């Protein structure tokens, strides 16, 4: 809902992220138009997610059955010092 989006906007630093609506595709190729995503602002920092966030992505990705190659890329980023 619009209220939910405002609450999400409040949790993200507006200097570091901006929200946009896009069409994203599921792993089976099904389109989902109007999906809201947050983009990191390139000038804010190096754009690398911190270790805690990467851990969340890896855990959620495994639970969602994301491709092993993608999970390996996330894991490799986790092992790289920031």
PDB file of N, CA and C in Angstrom:
ATOM      1  N   UNK A   1       0.843  -1.184   0.000  1.00  0.00           N
ATOM      2  CA  UNK A   1       0.000   0.000   0.000  1.00  0.00           C
ATOM      3  C   UNK A   1       0.887   1.247   0.000  1.00  0.00           C
ATOM      4  N   UNK A   2       0.268   2.363  -0.262  1.00  0.00           N
ATOM      5  CA  UNK A   2       1.014   3.628  -0.244  1.00  0.00           C
ATOM      6  C   UNK A   2       1.618   3.885   1.132  1.00  0.00           C
ATOM      7  N   UNK A   3       0.876   3.534   2.190  1.00  0.00           N
ATOM      8  CA  UNK A   3       1.396   3.705   3.546  1.00  0.00           C
ATOM      9  C   UNK A   3       2.600   2.826   3.812  1.00  0.00           C
ATOM     10  N   UNK A   4       2.559   1.593   3.297  1.00  0.00           N
ATOM     11  CA  UNK A   4       3.700   0.688   3.455  1.00  0.00           C
ATOM     12  C   UNK A   4       4.930   1.249   2.744  1.00  0.00           C
ATOM     13  N   UNK A   5       4.730   1.793   1.548  1.00  0.00           N
ATOM     14  CA  UNK A   5       5.860   2.365   0.812  1.00  0.00           C
ATOM     15  C   UNK A   5       6.453   3.553   1.558  1.00  0.00           C
ATOM     16  N   UNK A   6       5.615   4.368   2.159  1.00  0.00           N
ATOM     17  CA  UNK A   6       6.131   5.498   2.941  1.00  0.00           C
ATOM     18  C   UNK A   6       6.932   5.020   4.140  1.00  0.00           C
ATOM     19  N   UNK A   7       6.471   3.953   4.798  1.00  0.00           N
ATOM     20  CA  UNK A   7       7.230   3.406   5.934  1.00  0.00           C
ATOM     21  C   UNK A   7       8.574   2.853   5.460  1.00  0.00           C
ATOM     22  N   UNK A   8       8.583   2.189   4.306  1.00  0.00           N
ATOM     23  CA  UNK A   8       9.858   1.700   3.763  1.00  0.00           C
ATOM     24  C   UNK A   8      10.775   2.867   3.424  1.00  0.00           C
ATOM     25  N   UNK A   9      10.204   3.895   2.800  1.00  0.00           N
ATOM     26  CA  UNK A   9      11.008   5.079   2.461  1.00  0.00           C
ATOM     27  C   UNK A   9      11.642   5.679   3.710  1.00  0.00           C
ATOM     28  N   UNK A  10      10.915   5.667   4.815  1.00  0.00           N
ATOM     29  CA  UNK A  10      11.430   6.226   6.064  1.00  0.00           C
ATOM     30  C   UNK A  10      12.598   5.428   6.623  1.00  0.00           C
ATOM     31  N   UNK A  11      12.692   4.142   6.285  1.00  0.00           N
ATOM     32  CA  UNK A  11      13.784   3.317   6.815  1.00  0.00           C
ATOM     33  C   UNK A  11      15.053   3.430   5.975  1.00  0.00           C
ATOM     34  N   UNK A  12      14.931   3.911   4.742  1.00  0.00           N
ATOM     35  CA  UNK A  12      16.093   4.032   3.864  1.00  0.00           C
ATOM     36  C   UNK A  12      16.593   5.475   3.873  1.00  0.00           C
ATOM     37  N   UNK A  13      17.892   5.625   3.907  1.00  0.00           N
ATOM     38  CA  UNK A  13      18.513   6.948   3.879  1.00  0.00           C
ATOM     39  C   UNK A  13      18.274   7.560   2.492  1.00  0.00           C
ATOM     40  N   UNK A  14      17.542   8.670   2.387  1.00  0.00           N
ATOM     41  CA  UNK A  14      17.251   9.242   1.070  1.00  0.00           C
ATOM     42  C   UNK A  14      18.488   9.744   0.332  1.00  0.00           C
ATOM     43  N   UNK A  15      19.592   9.931   1.052  1.00  0.00           N
ATOM     44  CA  UNK A  15      20.840  10.307   0.375  1.00  0.00           C
ATOM     45  C   UNK A  15      21.511   9.095  -0.235  1.00  0.00           C
ATOM     46  N   UNK A  16      21.185   7.897   0.264  1.00  0.00           N
ATOM     47  CA  UNK A  16      21.857   6.680  -0.182  1.00  0.00           C
ATOM     48  C   UNK A  16      21.011   5.847  -1.139  1.00  0.00           C
ATOM     49  N   UNK A  17      19.670   5.997  -1.097  1.00  0.00           N
ATOM     50  CA  UNK A  17      18.786   5.156  -1.910  1.00  0.00           C
ATOM     51  C   UNK A  17      17.647   5.964  -2.494  1.00  0.00           C
ATOM     52  N   UNK A  18      17.172   5.521  -3.655  1.00  0.00           N
ATOM     53  CA  UNK A  18      15.930   6.071  -4.196  1.00  0.00           C
ATOM     54  C   UNK A  18      15.071   4.919  -4.703  1.00  0.00           C
ATOM     55  N   UNK A  19      13.766   5.087  -4.588  1.00  0.00           N
ATOM     56  CA  UNK A  19      12.808   4.042  -4.969  1.00  0.00           C
ATOM     57  C   UNK A  19      12.301   4.292  -6.377  1.00  0.00           C
ATOM     58  N   UNK A  20      12.158   3.190  -7.137  1.00  0.00           N
ATOM     59  CA  UNK A  20      11.583   3.238  -8.477  1.00  0.00           C
ATOM     60  C   UNK A  20      10.679   2.025  -8.669  1.00  0.00           C
ATOM     61  N   UNK A  21       9.691   2.172  -9.534  1.00  0.00           N
ATOM     62  CA  UNK A  21       8.824   1.048  -9.895  1.00  0.00           C
ATOM     63  C   UNK A  21       9.329   0.458 -11.207  1.00  0.00           C
ATOM     64  N   UNK A  22       9.509  -0.846 -11.229  1.00  0.00           N
ATOM     65  CA  UNK A  22      10.012  -1.550 -12.409  1.00  0.00           C
ATOM     66  C   UNK A  22       9.188  -2.802 -12.659  1.00  0.00           C
ATOM     67  N   UNK A  23       9.375  -3.381 -13.817  1.00  0.00           N
ATOM     68  CA  UNK A  23       8.865  -4.723 -14.070  1.00  0.00           C
ATOM     69  C   UNK A  23      10.016  -5.680 -13.795  1.00  0.00           C
ATOM     70  N   UNK A  24       9.817  -6.585 -12.857  1.00  0.00           N
ATOM     71  CA  UNK A  24      10.812  -7.615 -12.572  1.00  0.00           C
ATOM     72  C   UNK A  24      10.234  -8.957 -13.013  1.00  0.00           C
ATOM     73  N   UNK A  25      11.109  -9.943 -13.196  1.00  0.00           N
ATOM     74  CA  UNK A  25      10.686 -11.263 -13.654  1.00  0.00           C
ATOM     75  C   UNK A  25      11.075 -12.323 -12.635  1.00  0.00           C
ATOM     76  N   UNK A  26      10.168 -13.247 -12.406  1.00  0.00           N
ATOM     77  CA  UNK A  26      10.440 -14.353 -11.489  1.00  0.00           C
ATOM     78  C   UNK A  26      11.443 -15.300 -12.132  1.00  0.00           C
ATOM     79  N   UNK A  27      11.885 -16.281 -11.366  1.00  0.00           N
ATOM     80  CA  UNK A  27      12.819 -17.279 -11.914  1.00  0.00           C
ATOM     81  C   UNK A  27      12.202 -18.055 -13.070  1.00  0.00           C
ATOM     82  N   UNK A  28      10.876 -18.099 -13.132  1.00  0.00           N
ATOM     83  CA  UNK A  28      10.191 -18.792 -14.241  1.00  0.00           C
ATOM     84  C   UNK A  28       9.895 -17.848 -15.396  1.00  0.00           C
ATOM     85  N   UNK A  29      10.273 -16.579 -15.266  1.00  0.00           N
ATOM     86  CA  UNK A  29      10.087 -15.609 -16.335  1.00  0.00           C
ATOM     87  C   UNK A  29       8.792 -14.822 -16.265  1.00  0.00           C
ATOM     88  N   UNK A  30       7.986 -15.049 -15.236  1.00  0.00           N
ATOM     89  CA  UNK A  30       6.718 -14.326 -15.104  1.00  0.00           C
ATOM     90  C   UNK A  30       6.986 -12.868 -14.751  1.00  0.00           C
ATOM     91  N   UNK A  31       6.430 -11.916 -15.537  1.00  0.00           N
ATOM     92  CA  UNK A  31       6.649 -10.503 -15.233  1.00  0.00           C
ATOM     93  C   UNK A  31       5.788 -10.043 -14.061  1.00  0.00           C
ATOM     94  N   UNK A  32       6.348  -9.136 -13.286  1.00  0.00           N
ATOM     95  CA  UNK A  32       5.644  -8.501 -12.168  1.00  0.00           C
ATOM     96  C   UNK A  32       5.825  -6.995 -12.316  1.00  0.00           C
ATOM     97  N   UNK A  33       4.924  -6.357 -13.097  1.00  0.00           N
ATOM     98  CA  UNK A  33       5.066  -4.909 -13.316  1.00  0.00           C
ATOM     99  C   UNK A  33       4.748  -4.117 -12.057  1.00  0.00           C
ATOM    100  N   UNK A  34       5.369  -2.960 -11.956  1.00  0.00           N
ATOM    101  CA  UNK A  34       5.087  -2.060 -10.844  1.00  0.00           C
ATOM    102  C   UNK A  34       5.707  -2.474  -9.528  1.00  0.00           C
ATOM    103  N   UNK A  35       6.693  -3.351  -9.567  1.00  0.00           N
ATOM    104  CA  UNK A  35       7.397  -3.752  -8.356  1.00  0.00           C
ATOM    105  C   UNK A  35       8.320  -2.615  -7.931  1.00  0.00           C
ATOM    106  N   UNK A  36       8.261  -2.266  -6.668  1.00  0.00           N
ATOM    107  CA  UNK A  36       9.097  -1.170  -6.166  1.00  0.00           C
ATOM    108  C   UNK A  36      10.441  -1.718  -5.702  1.00  0.00           C
ATOM    109  N   UNK A  37      11.499  -1.078  -6.160  1.00  0.00           N
ATOM    110  CA  UNK A  37      12.858  -1.455  -5.785  1.00  0.00           C
ATOM    111  C   UNK A  37      13.596  -0.203  -5.327  1.00  0.00           C
ATOM    112  N   UNK A  38      14.624  -0.412  -4.522  1.00  0.00           N
ATOM    113  CA  UNK A  38      15.467   0.694  -4.070  1.00  0.00           C
ATOM    114  C   UNK A  38      16.826   0.578  -4.754  1.00  0.00           C
ATOM    115  N   UNK A  39      17.294   1.687  -5.291  1.00  0.00           N
ATOM    116  CA  UNK A  39      18.599   1.751  -5.933  1.00  0.00           C
ATOM    117  C   UNK A  39      19.537   2.549  -5.050  1.00  0.00           C
ATOM    118  N   UNK A  40      20.758   2.058  -4.915  1.00  0.00           N
ATOM    119  CA  UNK A  40      21.776   2.802  -4.173  1.00  0.00           C
ATOM    120  C   UNK A  40      22.223   3.989  -5.012  1.00  0.00           C
ATOM    121  N   UNK A  41      22.445   5.103  -4.354  1.00  0.00           N
ATOM    122  CA  UNK A  41      22.963   6.288  -5.012  1.00  0.00           C
ATOM    123  C   UNK A  41      24.477   6.125  -5.130  1.00  0.00           C
ATOM    124  N   UNK A  42      24.999   6.102  -6.355  1.00  0.00           N
ATOM    125  CA  UNK A  42      26.433   5.808  -6.538  1.00  0.00           C
ATOM    126  C   UNK A  42      27.375   6.739  -5.802  1.00  0.00           C
ATOM    127  N   UNK A  43      27.028   8.013  -5.655  1.00  0.00           N
ATOM    128  CA  UNK A  43      27.932   8.972  -5.034  1.00  0.00           C
ATOM    129  C   UNK A  43      27.967   8.884  -3.515  1.00  0.00           C
ATOM    130  N   UNK A  44      27.051   8.104  -2.928  1.00  0.00           N
ATOM    131  CA  UNK A  44      26.930   8.076  -1.470  1.00  0.00           C
ATOM    132  C   UNK A  44      28.065   7.283  -0.815  1.00  0.00           C
ATOM    133  N   UNK A  45      28.397   6.134  -1.365  1.00  0.00           N
ATOM    134  CA  UNK A  45      29.499   5.324  -0.835  1.00  0.00           C
ATOM    135  C   UNK A  45      29.982   4.393  -1.933  1.00  0.00           C
ATOM    136  N   UNK A  46      30.734   3.379  -1.581  1.00  0.00           N
ATOM    137  CA  UNK A  46      31.269   2.491  -2.610  1.00  0.00           C
ATOM    138  C   UNK A  46      30.217   1.540  -3.168  1.00  0.00           C
ATOM    139  N   UNK A  47      29.012   1.546  -2.610  1.00  0.00           N
ATOM    140  CA  UNK A  47      27.932   0.716  -3.126  1.00  0.00           C
ATOM    141  C   UNK A  47      27.967  -0.722  -2.678  1.00  0.00           C
ATOM    142  N   UNK A  48      28.987  -1.106  -1.936  1.00  0.00           N
ATOM    143  CA  UNK A  48      29.100  -2.492  -1.489  1.00  0.00           C
ATOM    144  C   UNK A  48      28.220  -2.715  -0.261  1.00  0.00           C
ATOM    145  N   UNK A  49      27.417  -3.781  -0.281  1.00  0.00           N
ATOM    146  CA  UNK A  49      26.613  -4.077   0.913  1.00  0.00           C
ATOM    147  C   UNK A  49      27.505  -4.530   2.052  1.00  0.00           C
ATOM    148  N   UNK A  50      27.095  -4.209   3.286  1.00  0.00           N
ATOM    149  CA  UNK A  50      27.902  -4.650   4.420  1.00  0.00           C
ATOM    150  C   UNK A  50      27.696  -6.146   4.661  1.00  0.00           C
ATOM    151  N   UNK A  51      28.538  -6.711   5.494  1.00  0.00           N
ATOM    152  CA  UNK A  51      28.539  -8.157   5.728  1.00  0.00           C
ATOM    153  C   UNK A  51      27.205  -8.647   6.294  1.00  0.00           C
ATOM    154  N   UNK A  52      26.621  -7.890   7.193  1.00  0.00           N
ATOM    155  CA  UNK A  52      25.341  -8.295   7.788  1.00  0.00           C
ATOM    156  C   UNK A  52      24.245  -8.372   6.729  1.00  0.00           C
ATOM    157  N   UNK A  53      24.205  -7.400   5.831  1.00  0.00           N
ATOM    158  CA  UNK A  53      23.202  -7.403   4.779  1.00  0.00           C
ATOM    159  C   UNK A  53      23.438  -8.560   3.809  1.00  0.00           C
ATOM    160  N   UNK A  54      24.695  -8.809   3.454  1.00  0.00           N
ATOM    161  CA  UNK A  54      25.001  -9.940   2.586  1.00  0.00           C
ATOM    162  C   UNK A  54      24.569 -11.255   3.222  1.00  0.00           C
ATOM    163  N   UNK A  55      24.788 -11.410   4.523  1.00  0.00           N
ATOM    164  CA  UNK A  55      24.334 -12.621   5.214  1.00  0.00           C
ATOM    165  C   UNK A  55      22.829 -12.801   5.075  1.00  0.00           C
ATOM    166  N   UNK A  56      22.079 -11.710   5.214  1.00  0.00           N
ATOM    167  CA  UNK A  56      20.624 -11.776   5.047  1.00  0.00           C
ATOM    168  C   UNK A  56      20.249 -12.184   3.626  1.00  0.00           C
ATOM    169  N   UNK A  57      20.936 -11.605   2.638  1.00  0.00           N
ATOM    170  CA  UNK A  57      20.662 -11.955   1.244  1.00  0.00           C
ATOM    171  C   UNK A  57      20.954 -13.424   0.960  1.00  0.00           C
ATOM    172  N   UNK A  58      22.061 -13.915   1.476  1.00  0.00           N
ATOM    173  CA  UNK A  58      22.446 -15.308   1.247  1.00  0.00           C
ATOM    174  C   UNK A  58      21.444 -16.251   1.888  1.00  0.00           C
ATOM    175  N   UNK A  59      21.070 -15.977   3.128  1.00  0.00           N
ATOM    176  CA  UNK A  59      20.103 -16.823   3.830  1.00  0.00           C
ATOM    177  C   UNK A  59      18.761 -16.825   3.106  1.00  0.00           C
ATOM    178  N   UNK A  60      18.274 -15.640   2.748  1.00  0.00           N
ATOM    179  CA  UNK A  60      16.994 -15.537   2.050  1.00  0.00           C
ATOM    180  C   UNK A  60      17.074 -16.180   0.667  1.00  0.00           C
ATOM    181  N   UNK A  61      18.195 -16.001  -0.007  1.00  0.00           N
ATOM    182  CA  UNK A  61      18.371 -16.600  -1.330  1.00  0.00           C
ATOM    183  C   UNK A  61      18.344 -18.111  -1.296  1.00  0.00           C
ATOM    184  N   UNK A  62      18.985 -18.691  -0.299  1.00  0.00           N
ATOM    185  CA  UNK A  62      18.941 -20.155  -0.145  1.00  0.00           C
ATOM    186  C   UNK A  62      17.512 -20.623   0.104  1.00  0.00           C
ATOM    187  N   UNK A  63      16.818 -19.925   1.009  1.00  0.00           N
ATOM    188  CA  UNK A  63      15.434 -20.303   1.344  1.00  0.00           C
ATOM    189  C   UNK A  63      14.519 -20.177   0.132  1.00  0.00           C
ATOM    190  N   UNK A  64      14.799 -19.206  -0.742  1.00  0.00           N
ATOM    191  CA  UNK A  64      13.965 -18.984  -1.918  1.00  0.00           C
ATOM    192  C   UNK A  64      14.354 -19.880  -3.088  1.00  0.00           C
ATOM    193  N   UNK A  65      15.463 -20.616  -2.942  1.00  0.00           N
ATOM    194  CA  UNK A  65      15.897 -21.503  -4.020  1.00  0.00           C
ATOM    195  C   UNK A  65      16.543 -20.782  -5.185  1.00  0.00           C
ATOM    196  N   UNK A  66      17.235 -19.664  -4.896  1.00  0.00           N
ATOM    197  CA  UNK A  66      17.914 -18.949  -5.972  1.00  0.00           C
ATOM    198  C   UNK A  66      19.034 -19.812  -6.552  1.00  0.00           C
ATOM    199  N   UNK A  67      19.421 -19.531  -7.790  1.00  0.00           N
ATOM    200  CA  UNK A  67      20.450 -20.346  -8.444  1.00  0.00           C
ATOM    201  C   UNK A  67      21.752 -20.381  -7.645  1.00  0.00           C
ATOM    202  N   UNK A  68      22.386 -21.547  -7.577  1.00  0.00           N
ATOM    203  CA  UNK A  68      23.637 -21.686  -6.823  1.00  0.00           C
ATOM    204  C   UNK A  68      24.729 -20.723  -7.283  1.00  0.00           C
ATOM    205  N   UNK A  69      24.772 -20.422  -8.574  1.00  0.00           N
ATOM    206  CA  UNK A  69      25.797 -19.510  -9.086  1.00  0.00           C
ATOM    207  C   UNK A  69      25.629 -18.116  -8.481  1.00  0.00           C
ATOM    208  N   UNK A  70      24.401 -17.681  -8.335  1.00  0.00           N
ATOM    209  CA  UNK A  70      24.141 -16.370  -7.745  1.00  0.00           C
ATOM    210  C   UNK A  70      24.536 -16.367  -6.270  1.00  0.00           C
ATOM    211  N   UNK A  71      24.177 -17.436  -5.568  1.00  0.00           N
ATOM    212  CA  UNK A  71      24.537 -17.538  -4.151  1.00  0.00           C
ATOM    213  C   UNK A  71      26.048 -17.587  -3.973  1.00  0.00           C
ATOM    214  N   UNK A  72      26.749 -18.228  -4.897  1.00  0.00           N
ATOM    215  CA  UNK A  72      28.213 -18.258  -4.834  1.00  0.00           C
ATOM    216  C   UNK A  72      28.796 -16.861  -5.012  1.00  0.00           C
ATOM    217  N   UNK A  73      28.187 -16.068  -5.913  1.00  0.00           N
ATOM    218  CA  UNK A  73      28.660 -14.688  -6.102  1.00  0.00           C
ATOM    219  C   UNK A  73      28.470 -13.861  -4.834  1.00  0.00           C
ATOM    220  N   UNK A  74      27.316 -14.039  -4.177  1.00  0.00           N
ATOM    221  CA  UNK A  74      27.079 -13.325  -2.930  1.00  0.00           C
ATOM    222  C   UNK A  74      28.061 -13.760  -1.860  1.00  0.00           C
ATOM    223  N   UNK A  75      28.295 -15.055  -1.767  1.00  0.00           N
ATOM    224  CA  UNK A  75      29.218 -15.587  -0.773  1.00  0.00           C
ATOM    225  C   UNK A  75      30.644 -15.068  -1.022  1.00  0.00           C
ATOM    226  N   UNK A  76      31.038 -14.981  -2.282  1.00  0.00           N
ATOM    227  CA  UNK A  76      32.363 -14.458  -2.610  1.00  0.00           C
ATOM    228  C   UNK A  76      32.484 -12.986  -2.202  1.00  0.00           C
ATOM    229  N   UNK A  77      31.414 -12.221  -2.375  1.00  0.00           N
ATOM    230  CA  UNK A  77      31.439 -10.814  -1.947  1.00  0.00           C
ATOM    231  C   UNK A  77      31.534 -10.721  -0.444  1.00  0.00           C
ATOM    232  N   UNK A  78      30.918 -11.692   0.259  1.00  0.00           N
ATOM    233  CA  UNK A  78      30.945 -11.707   1.716  1.00  0.00           C
ATOM    234  C   UNK A  78      32.366 -11.920   2.223  1.00  0.00           C
ATOM    235  N   UNK A  79      33.128 -12.706   1.501  1.00  0.00           N
ATOM    236  CA  UNK A  79      34.487 -13.035   1.918  1.00  0.00           C
ATOM    237  C   UNK A  79      35.493 -11.939   1.571  1.00  0.00           C
ATOM    238  N   UNK A  80      35.083 -10.995   0.708  1.00  0.00           N
ATOM    239  CA  UNK A  80      35.977  -9.922   0.291  1.00  0.00           C
ATOM    240  C   UNK A  80      35.956  -8.787   1.307  1.00  0.00           C
ATOM    241  N   UNK A  81      37.117  -8.423   1.848  1.00  0.00           N
ATOM    242  CA  UNK A  81      37.131  -7.306   2.808  1.00  0.00           C
ATOM    243  C   UNK A  81      36.690  -6.020   2.145  1.00  0.00           C
ATOM    244  N   UNK A  82      35.898  -5.208   2.895  1.00  0.00           N
ATOM    245  CA  UNK A  82      35.395  -3.933   2.365  1.00  0.00           C
ATOM    246  C   UNK A  82      36.436  -2.917   2.463  1.00  0.00           C
TER     247      UNK A  82
END
